[in-house]
N, C-alpha and C. Protein backbone atom coordinates (compact mmCIF):
# COMPACT_ATOMS: atom_id res chain seq x y z
N MET A 1 27.14 16.52 14.19
CA MET A 1 26.22 16.34 15.29
C MET A 1 25.91 14.87 15.45
N SER A 2 25.72 14.47 16.66
CA SER A 2 25.41 13.06 16.90
C SER A 2 23.94 12.80 16.59
N GLU A 3 23.59 11.52 16.60
CA GLU A 3 22.24 11.11 16.26
C GLU A 3 21.22 11.60 17.28
N HIS A 4 21.63 11.76 18.52
CA HIS A 4 20.72 12.15 19.60
C HIS A 4 20.82 13.63 19.94
N ASP A 5 21.61 14.37 19.21
CA ASP A 5 21.77 15.79 19.48
C ASP A 5 20.51 16.52 19.02
N THR A 6 19.88 17.27 19.91
CA THR A 6 18.62 17.94 19.59
C THR A 6 18.78 19.45 19.42
N THR A 7 19.99 19.92 19.32
CA THR A 7 20.16 21.35 19.14
C THR A 7 20.33 21.67 17.67
N ALA A 8 19.64 22.70 17.24
CA ALA A 8 19.76 23.15 15.87
C ALA A 8 21.03 23.97 15.74
N PRO A 9 21.50 24.22 14.52
CA PRO A 9 22.74 24.98 14.34
C PRO A 9 22.69 26.36 14.98
N GLU A 10 21.50 26.97 15.07
CA GLU A 10 21.42 28.30 15.67
C GLU A 10 21.35 28.26 17.18
N GLY A 11 21.34 27.08 17.79
CA GLY A 11 21.28 26.97 19.24
C GLY A 11 19.89 26.68 19.76
N ARG A 12 18.88 26.74 18.88
CA ARG A 12 17.52 26.43 19.32
C ARG A 12 17.32 24.92 19.34
N ALA A 13 16.39 24.47 20.13
CA ALA A 13 16.10 23.03 20.19
C ALA A 13 15.36 22.61 18.93
N ALA A 14 15.85 21.58 18.28
CA ALA A 14 15.21 21.07 17.07
C ALA A 14 14.08 20.12 17.46
N ARG A 15 12.99 20.18 16.72
CA ARG A 15 11.85 19.30 16.98
C ARG A 15 11.88 18.16 15.98
N ARG A 16 11.82 16.96 16.49
CA ARG A 16 11.79 15.79 15.64
C ARG A 16 10.33 15.34 15.48
N VAL A 17 9.89 15.17 14.26
CA VAL A 17 8.54 14.70 14.01
C VAL A 17 8.60 13.18 13.88
N PRO A 18 7.88 12.46 14.74
CA PRO A 18 7.90 10.99 14.64
C PRO A 18 7.26 10.49 13.35
N GLU A 19 7.81 9.41 12.81
CA GLU A 19 7.26 8.80 11.59
C GLU A 19 5.81 8.40 11.79
N ASP A 20 5.51 7.84 12.95
CA ASP A 20 4.15 7.36 13.21
C ASP A 20 3.14 8.51 13.23
N PHE A 21 3.57 9.69 13.63
CA PHE A 21 2.68 10.84 13.64
C PHE A 21 2.28 11.21 12.21
N VAL A 22 3.27 11.24 11.32
CA VAL A 22 2.99 11.57 9.92
C VAL A 22 2.14 10.47 9.28
N ALA A 23 2.44 9.21 9.60
CA ALA A 23 1.64 8.10 9.06
C ALA A 23 0.20 8.19 9.57
N GLY A 24 0.01 8.53 10.82
CA GLY A 24 -1.33 8.67 11.37
C GLY A 24 -2.10 9.80 10.71
N LEU A 25 -1.43 10.93 10.49
CA LEU A 25 -2.08 12.04 9.79
C LEU A 25 -2.47 11.65 8.37
N PHE A 26 -1.60 10.90 7.70
CA PHE A 26 -1.90 10.44 6.35
C PHE A 26 -3.14 9.54 6.35
N LEU A 27 -3.23 8.63 7.31
CA LEU A 27 -4.39 7.75 7.39
C LEU A 27 -5.67 8.54 7.67
N VAL A 28 -5.58 9.56 8.51
CA VAL A 28 -6.75 10.40 8.78
C VAL A 28 -7.17 11.15 7.52
N LEU A 29 -6.22 11.65 6.75
CA LEU A 29 -6.55 12.36 5.51
C LEU A 29 -7.17 11.42 4.48
N VAL A 30 -6.62 10.23 4.34
CA VAL A 30 -7.20 9.26 3.41
C VAL A 30 -8.61 8.89 3.85
N ALA A 31 -8.81 8.69 5.14
CA ALA A 31 -10.14 8.36 5.66
C ALA A 31 -11.12 9.51 5.39
N ALA A 32 -10.68 10.73 5.60
CA ALA A 32 -11.55 11.88 5.34
C ALA A 32 -11.93 11.95 3.86
N PHE A 33 -10.99 11.64 2.98
CA PHE A 33 -11.28 11.64 1.55
C PHE A 33 -12.35 10.60 1.22
N PHE A 34 -12.22 9.39 1.76
CA PHE A 34 -13.18 8.33 1.46
C PHE A 34 -14.55 8.61 2.09
N ILE A 35 -14.57 9.23 3.25
CA ILE A 35 -15.85 9.61 3.85
C ILE A 35 -16.52 10.68 2.99
N TRP A 36 -15.74 11.61 2.50
CA TRP A 36 -16.27 12.66 1.62
C TRP A 36 -16.83 12.06 0.34
N GLN A 37 -16.12 11.08 -0.24
CA GLN A 37 -16.59 10.47 -1.48
C GLN A 37 -17.84 9.61 -1.26
N ALA A 38 -17.98 9.01 -0.11
CA ALA A 38 -19.12 8.14 0.17
C ALA A 38 -20.28 8.89 0.83
N TRP A 39 -20.13 10.18 1.04
CA TRP A 39 -21.11 10.96 1.78
C TRP A 39 -22.51 10.90 1.17
N LYS A 40 -22.62 10.97 -0.15
CA LYS A 40 -23.92 11.02 -0.81
C LYS A 40 -24.52 9.64 -1.07
N LEU A 41 -23.75 8.59 -0.81
CA LEU A 41 -24.28 7.24 -1.01
C LEU A 41 -25.21 6.88 0.14
N PRO A 42 -26.31 6.21 -0.14
CA PRO A 42 -27.22 5.83 0.94
C PRO A 42 -26.58 4.80 1.86
N MET A 43 -26.70 5.03 3.17
CA MET A 43 -26.11 4.14 4.15
C MET A 43 -26.94 2.88 4.35
N GLY A 44 -28.23 2.99 4.29
CA GLY A 44 -29.09 1.86 4.56
C GLY A 44 -29.13 1.57 6.05
N SER A 45 -29.40 0.33 6.40
CA SER A 45 -29.42 -0.09 7.80
C SER A 45 -28.60 -1.37 7.91
N LEU A 46 -28.46 -1.87 9.13
CA LEU A 46 -27.72 -3.11 9.30
C LEU A 46 -28.46 -4.30 8.69
N ARG A 47 -29.76 -4.21 8.56
CA ARG A 47 -30.53 -5.29 7.92
C ARG A 47 -30.45 -5.20 6.40
N ALA A 48 -30.39 -4.01 5.88
CA ALA A 48 -30.32 -3.79 4.43
C ALA A 48 -29.25 -2.73 4.17
N MET A 49 -28.02 -3.18 4.10
CA MET A 49 -26.90 -2.24 3.94
C MET A 49 -26.96 -1.56 2.58
N GLY A 50 -26.72 -0.26 2.59
CA GLY A 50 -26.66 0.49 1.36
C GLY A 50 -25.23 0.53 0.83
N PRO A 51 -25.06 1.10 -0.35
CA PRO A 51 -23.72 1.13 -0.95
C PRO A 51 -22.73 2.02 -0.21
N GLY A 52 -23.19 2.87 0.69
CA GLY A 52 -22.29 3.73 1.43
C GLY A 52 -21.85 3.18 2.77
N MET A 53 -22.46 2.08 3.21
CA MET A 53 -22.19 1.54 4.54
C MET A 53 -20.75 1.03 4.66
N LEU A 54 -20.32 0.17 3.75
CA LEU A 54 -19.00 -0.43 3.86
C LEU A 54 -17.87 0.59 3.70
N PRO A 55 -17.87 1.42 2.64
CA PRO A 55 -16.75 2.37 2.53
C PRO A 55 -16.70 3.37 3.68
N THR A 56 -17.86 3.79 4.16
CA THR A 56 -17.88 4.73 5.27
C THR A 56 -17.38 4.07 6.55
N SER A 57 -17.81 2.85 6.79
CA SER A 57 -17.38 2.13 8.00
C SER A 57 -15.87 1.90 8.00
N ILE A 58 -15.36 1.45 6.86
CA ILE A 58 -13.91 1.21 6.76
C ILE A 58 -13.14 2.52 6.92
N ALA A 59 -13.66 3.59 6.33
CA ALA A 59 -12.99 4.88 6.44
C ALA A 59 -12.98 5.39 7.88
N VAL A 60 -14.08 5.19 8.59
CA VAL A 60 -14.13 5.62 9.99
C VAL A 60 -13.14 4.81 10.83
N ILE A 61 -13.09 3.50 10.61
CA ILE A 61 -12.14 2.67 11.35
C ILE A 61 -10.71 3.09 11.03
N MET A 62 -10.42 3.36 9.76
CA MET A 62 -9.08 3.80 9.38
C MET A 62 -8.75 5.16 9.98
N GLY A 63 -9.72 6.07 10.00
CA GLY A 63 -9.49 7.38 10.58
C GLY A 63 -9.23 7.32 12.06
N VAL A 64 -9.99 6.50 12.78
CA VAL A 64 -9.77 6.34 14.22
C VAL A 64 -8.41 5.72 14.49
N GLY A 65 -8.06 4.71 13.69
CA GLY A 65 -6.73 4.09 13.83
C GLY A 65 -5.61 5.08 13.55
N GLY A 66 -5.78 5.90 12.52
CA GLY A 66 -4.77 6.91 12.22
C GLY A 66 -4.65 7.95 13.32
N PHE A 67 -5.80 8.36 13.88
CA PHE A 67 -5.77 9.32 14.98
C PHE A 67 -5.05 8.74 16.19
N LEU A 68 -5.36 7.47 16.53
CA LEU A 68 -4.70 6.83 17.66
C LEU A 68 -3.19 6.66 17.41
N LEU A 69 -2.83 6.32 16.17
CA LEU A 69 -1.41 6.19 15.83
C LEU A 69 -0.69 7.52 16.00
N ALA A 70 -1.29 8.61 15.53
CA ALA A 70 -0.68 9.93 15.67
C ALA A 70 -0.60 10.36 17.13
N LEU A 71 -1.65 10.07 17.88
CA LEU A 71 -1.67 10.42 19.30
C LEU A 71 -0.59 9.66 20.07
N MET A 72 -0.47 8.37 19.83
CA MET A 72 0.55 7.57 20.51
C MET A 72 1.95 8.01 20.11
N ALA A 73 2.12 8.46 18.88
CA ALA A 73 3.43 8.95 18.46
C ALA A 73 3.81 10.21 19.22
N LEU A 74 2.83 11.06 19.50
CA LEU A 74 3.12 12.27 20.27
C LEU A 74 3.40 11.96 21.73
N VAL A 75 2.70 10.95 22.26
CA VAL A 75 2.88 10.59 23.66
C VAL A 75 4.20 9.84 23.88
N LYS A 76 4.44 8.83 23.05
CA LYS A 76 5.61 7.97 23.26
C LYS A 76 6.82 8.38 22.43
N GLY A 77 6.64 9.19 21.44
CA GLY A 77 7.75 9.53 20.56
C GLY A 77 7.98 8.42 19.55
N GLY A 78 9.17 8.34 19.02
CA GLY A 78 9.48 7.30 18.04
C GLY A 78 10.59 7.74 17.13
N ASN A 79 10.78 6.98 16.08
CA ASN A 79 11.83 7.31 15.12
C ASN A 79 11.50 8.62 14.41
N ALA A 80 12.51 9.42 14.20
CA ALA A 80 12.32 10.69 13.52
C ALA A 80 12.01 10.44 12.05
N LEU A 81 11.24 11.33 11.48
CA LEU A 81 10.89 11.25 10.07
C LEU A 81 12.15 11.40 9.24
N THR A 82 12.33 10.49 8.30
CA THR A 82 13.51 10.52 7.44
C THR A 82 13.08 10.78 6.00
N ARG A 83 14.06 10.90 5.16
CA ARG A 83 13.81 11.11 3.74
C ARG A 83 13.15 9.86 3.16
N PRO A 84 12.15 10.01 2.28
CA PRO A 84 11.50 8.81 1.72
C PRO A 84 12.45 8.03 0.83
N HIS A 85 12.23 6.73 0.77
CA HIS A 85 13.05 5.85 -0.06
C HIS A 85 12.39 5.74 -1.43
N VAL A 86 12.96 6.43 -2.40
CA VAL A 86 12.36 6.51 -3.73
C VAL A 86 12.50 5.20 -4.48
N ARG A 87 13.53 4.44 -4.21
CA ARG A 87 13.74 3.18 -4.92
C ARG A 87 12.56 2.23 -4.71
N GLY A 88 12.17 2.03 -3.47
CA GLY A 88 11.06 1.14 -3.18
C GLY A 88 9.77 1.61 -3.81
N LEU A 89 9.50 2.90 -3.71
CA LEU A 89 8.30 3.48 -4.29
C LEU A 89 8.27 3.27 -5.80
N PHE A 90 9.40 3.50 -6.45
CA PHE A 90 9.48 3.35 -7.91
C PHE A 90 9.21 1.91 -8.34
N PHE A 91 9.88 0.96 -7.71
CA PHE A 91 9.76 -0.42 -8.15
C PHE A 91 8.41 -1.05 -7.79
N VAL A 92 7.87 -0.75 -6.63
CA VAL A 92 6.57 -1.32 -6.26
C VAL A 92 5.46 -0.74 -7.12
N LEU A 93 5.39 0.59 -7.23
CA LEU A 93 4.37 1.20 -8.09
C LEU A 93 4.60 0.85 -9.55
N GLY A 94 5.88 0.77 -9.95
CA GLY A 94 6.20 0.38 -11.31
C GLY A 94 5.74 -1.03 -11.62
N GLY A 95 5.86 -1.93 -10.66
CA GLY A 95 5.38 -3.30 -10.84
C GLY A 95 3.88 -3.35 -11.04
N ILE A 96 3.16 -2.53 -10.31
CA ILE A 96 1.70 -2.48 -10.45
C ILE A 96 1.32 -1.94 -11.82
N VAL A 97 1.99 -0.87 -12.24
CA VAL A 97 1.72 -0.29 -13.56
C VAL A 97 2.10 -1.28 -14.66
N LEU A 98 3.23 -1.94 -14.51
CA LEU A 98 3.68 -2.93 -15.49
C LEU A 98 2.66 -4.06 -15.62
N PHE A 99 2.11 -4.53 -14.50
CA PHE A 99 1.08 -5.56 -14.55
C PHE A 99 -0.14 -5.07 -15.32
N GLY A 100 -0.57 -3.85 -15.03
CA GLY A 100 -1.73 -3.30 -15.72
C GLY A 100 -1.52 -3.13 -17.21
N LEU A 101 -0.30 -2.79 -17.61
CA LEU A 101 -0.01 -2.60 -19.03
C LEU A 101 0.15 -3.91 -19.79
N THR A 102 0.50 -4.99 -19.10
CA THR A 102 0.80 -6.23 -19.81
C THR A 102 -0.23 -7.33 -19.64
N ILE A 103 -1.18 -7.20 -18.73
CA ILE A 103 -2.11 -8.30 -18.46
C ILE A 103 -2.99 -8.63 -19.65
N ARG A 104 -3.45 -7.65 -20.38
CA ARG A 104 -4.35 -7.92 -21.52
C ARG A 104 -3.60 -8.41 -22.75
N THR A 105 -2.40 -7.95 -22.94
CA THR A 105 -1.66 -8.33 -24.15
C THR A 105 -0.89 -9.63 -24.00
N THR A 106 -0.42 -9.93 -22.80
CA THR A 106 0.38 -11.14 -22.61
C THR A 106 -0.29 -12.18 -21.75
N GLY A 107 -1.24 -11.79 -20.93
CA GLY A 107 -1.92 -12.72 -20.04
C GLY A 107 -1.22 -12.81 -18.69
N LEU A 108 -1.87 -13.50 -17.78
CA LEU A 108 -1.36 -13.62 -16.41
C LEU A 108 -0.06 -14.41 -16.34
N ILE A 109 0.12 -15.34 -17.26
CA ILE A 109 1.31 -16.19 -17.22
C ILE A 109 2.61 -15.40 -17.47
N VAL A 110 2.51 -14.27 -18.14
CA VAL A 110 3.69 -13.41 -18.37
C VAL A 110 3.64 -12.18 -17.46
N ALA A 111 2.48 -11.55 -17.35
CA ALA A 111 2.35 -10.31 -16.59
C ALA A 111 2.62 -10.53 -15.10
N GLY A 112 2.20 -11.67 -14.56
CA GLY A 112 2.41 -11.95 -13.14
C GLY A 112 3.88 -11.99 -12.76
N PRO A 113 4.65 -12.93 -13.35
CA PRO A 113 6.08 -12.98 -12.98
C PRO A 113 6.84 -11.71 -13.34
N LEU A 114 6.50 -11.10 -14.48
CA LEU A 114 7.20 -9.89 -14.89
C LEU A 114 7.04 -8.77 -13.87
N SER A 115 5.81 -8.56 -13.41
CA SER A 115 5.58 -7.48 -12.45
C SER A 115 6.16 -7.81 -11.08
N MET A 116 6.09 -9.08 -10.67
CA MET A 116 6.63 -9.45 -9.35
C MET A 116 8.15 -9.37 -9.32
N ILE A 117 8.79 -9.80 -10.39
CA ILE A 117 10.26 -9.72 -10.44
C ILE A 117 10.69 -8.26 -10.46
N PHE A 118 9.98 -7.42 -11.23
CA PHE A 118 10.30 -6.00 -11.27
C PHE A 118 10.14 -5.38 -9.88
N ALA A 119 9.04 -5.70 -9.19
CA ALA A 119 8.79 -5.13 -7.86
C ALA A 119 9.77 -5.64 -6.82
N SER A 120 10.35 -6.81 -7.04
CA SER A 120 11.30 -7.36 -6.06
C SER A 120 12.59 -6.55 -5.99
N PHE A 121 12.85 -5.74 -6.99
CA PHE A 121 14.04 -4.90 -6.97
C PHE A 121 13.86 -3.64 -6.12
N ALA A 122 12.77 -3.56 -5.38
CA ALA A 122 12.55 -2.44 -4.48
C ALA A 122 13.55 -2.44 -3.33
N THR A 123 14.12 -3.57 -3.03
CA THR A 123 15.12 -3.66 -1.97
C THR A 123 16.49 -3.91 -2.57
N GLU A 124 17.49 -3.45 -1.87
CA GLU A 124 18.86 -3.69 -2.32
C GLU A 124 19.29 -5.13 -2.06
N GLU A 125 18.54 -5.83 -1.23
CA GLU A 125 18.88 -7.20 -0.85
C GLU A 125 18.18 -8.23 -1.75
N VAL A 126 17.81 -7.83 -2.95
CA VAL A 126 17.08 -8.71 -3.85
C VAL A 126 17.96 -9.90 -4.26
N ARG A 127 17.35 -11.07 -4.30
CA ARG A 127 18.00 -12.28 -4.80
C ARG A 127 17.22 -12.70 -6.03
N PRO A 128 17.77 -12.50 -7.21
CA PRO A 128 17.02 -12.74 -8.44
C PRO A 128 16.46 -14.16 -8.58
N VAL A 129 17.21 -15.16 -8.18
CA VAL A 129 16.72 -16.54 -8.31
C VAL A 129 15.53 -16.77 -7.39
N GLU A 130 15.63 -16.31 -6.15
CA GLU A 130 14.50 -16.45 -5.22
C GLU A 130 13.30 -15.65 -5.69
N ALA A 131 13.55 -14.47 -6.24
CA ALA A 131 12.45 -13.64 -6.75
C ALA A 131 11.74 -14.35 -7.91
N ALA A 132 12.51 -14.98 -8.79
CA ALA A 132 11.92 -15.69 -9.93
C ALA A 132 11.10 -16.89 -9.46
N ILE A 133 11.63 -17.65 -8.51
CA ILE A 133 10.89 -18.80 -7.98
C ILE A 133 9.60 -18.34 -7.32
N PHE A 134 9.69 -17.31 -6.50
CA PHE A 134 8.51 -16.77 -5.84
C PHE A 134 7.49 -16.30 -6.87
N ALA A 135 7.94 -15.61 -7.91
CA ALA A 135 7.04 -15.08 -8.93
C ALA A 135 6.32 -16.21 -9.67
N VAL A 136 7.02 -17.28 -9.99
CA VAL A 136 6.40 -18.40 -10.70
C VAL A 136 5.38 -19.10 -9.79
N VAL A 137 5.75 -19.35 -8.54
CA VAL A 137 4.83 -20.02 -7.61
C VAL A 137 3.59 -19.17 -7.38
N MET A 138 3.76 -17.88 -7.18
CA MET A 138 2.61 -17.00 -6.95
C MET A 138 1.73 -16.90 -8.20
N THR A 139 2.34 -16.91 -9.37
CA THR A 139 1.55 -16.85 -10.60
C THR A 139 0.72 -18.11 -10.78
N VAL A 140 1.30 -19.26 -10.52
CA VAL A 140 0.55 -20.52 -10.60
C VAL A 140 -0.61 -20.49 -9.60
N PHE A 141 -0.35 -20.03 -8.39
CA PHE A 141 -1.40 -19.91 -7.37
C PHE A 141 -2.50 -18.97 -7.85
N CYS A 142 -2.12 -17.82 -8.43
CA CYS A 142 -3.11 -16.84 -8.90
C CYS A 142 -3.93 -17.39 -10.06
N ILE A 143 -3.31 -18.16 -10.94
CA ILE A 143 -4.05 -18.76 -12.05
C ILE A 143 -5.11 -19.71 -11.50
N PHE A 144 -4.72 -20.59 -10.58
CA PHE A 144 -5.69 -21.51 -10.01
C PHE A 144 -6.77 -20.78 -9.22
N LEU A 145 -6.38 -19.76 -8.47
CA LEU A 145 -7.36 -19.03 -7.66
C LEU A 145 -8.34 -18.25 -8.53
N PHE A 146 -7.82 -17.39 -9.41
CA PHE A 146 -8.70 -16.48 -10.14
C PHE A 146 -9.40 -17.15 -11.32
N LYS A 147 -8.72 -18.02 -12.04
CA LYS A 147 -9.30 -18.63 -13.23
C LYS A 147 -10.20 -19.81 -12.88
N PHE A 148 -9.71 -20.70 -12.03
CA PHE A 148 -10.45 -21.94 -11.79
C PHE A 148 -11.32 -21.88 -10.53
N ALA A 149 -10.77 -21.44 -9.41
CA ALA A 149 -11.56 -21.44 -8.17
C ALA A 149 -12.65 -20.37 -8.19
N LEU A 150 -12.32 -19.16 -8.63
CA LEU A 150 -13.30 -18.08 -8.65
C LEU A 150 -13.99 -17.92 -10.00
N GLY A 151 -13.43 -18.51 -11.05
CA GLY A 151 -14.05 -18.44 -12.38
C GLY A 151 -14.05 -17.07 -13.00
N LEU A 152 -13.07 -16.25 -12.67
CA LEU A 152 -13.00 -14.90 -13.24
C LEU A 152 -12.46 -14.95 -14.67
N PRO A 153 -12.95 -14.07 -15.53
CA PRO A 153 -12.50 -14.08 -16.93
C PRO A 153 -11.16 -13.36 -17.12
N ILE A 154 -10.14 -13.81 -16.44
CA ILE A 154 -8.82 -13.20 -16.54
C ILE A 154 -8.02 -13.97 -17.58
N PRO A 155 -7.38 -13.28 -18.51
CA PRO A 155 -6.61 -14.00 -19.54
C PRO A 155 -5.35 -14.63 -18.96
N VAL A 156 -5.21 -15.94 -19.16
CA VAL A 156 -4.03 -16.64 -18.68
C VAL A 156 -2.92 -16.54 -19.71
N ILE A 157 -3.24 -16.89 -20.97
CA ILE A 157 -2.29 -16.76 -22.07
C ILE A 157 -3.01 -15.98 -23.15
N ALA A 158 -2.72 -14.71 -23.26
CA ALA A 158 -3.46 -13.85 -24.20
C ALA A 158 -2.86 -13.86 -25.60
N PHE A 159 -1.62 -14.20 -25.74
CA PHE A 159 -0.96 -14.10 -27.05
C PHE A 159 -1.09 -15.37 -27.88
N MET A 160 -1.79 -16.38 -27.41
CA MET A 160 -1.98 -17.62 -28.18
C MET A 160 -3.40 -17.73 -28.67
């Protein structure tokens, strides 16, 4: 069958679900979860914001955006939903987990580049030398930002 063929093998018309529709529904579900979690927190007022004001506001904005994204996908159509790319998911989430596992034992100077280089393999077009240069530059930037500019107690070199 061609890419634009809309007939199912049994002769019925196949329905294509647009990617943006699924993404919009996902955003609405995430927003609903955060609104549910922030429901019991006091909202406060605009003069004295309570702890529930910011998460609820962000969740409402995200939910409205997700609803509009899903609505526009139904109106305009779009790319059909495809199989998820497991490689990207594995390497990006793996990089985050790797950073969390190594930051306390090795410090930012090792955990930063290690996790960024690992996450760079999420694409088949990875260039190891460019990934290493990017990881080192970003780690130096993060050390200056978090340790010196913001004064956060993040370990830079934990093994010394």
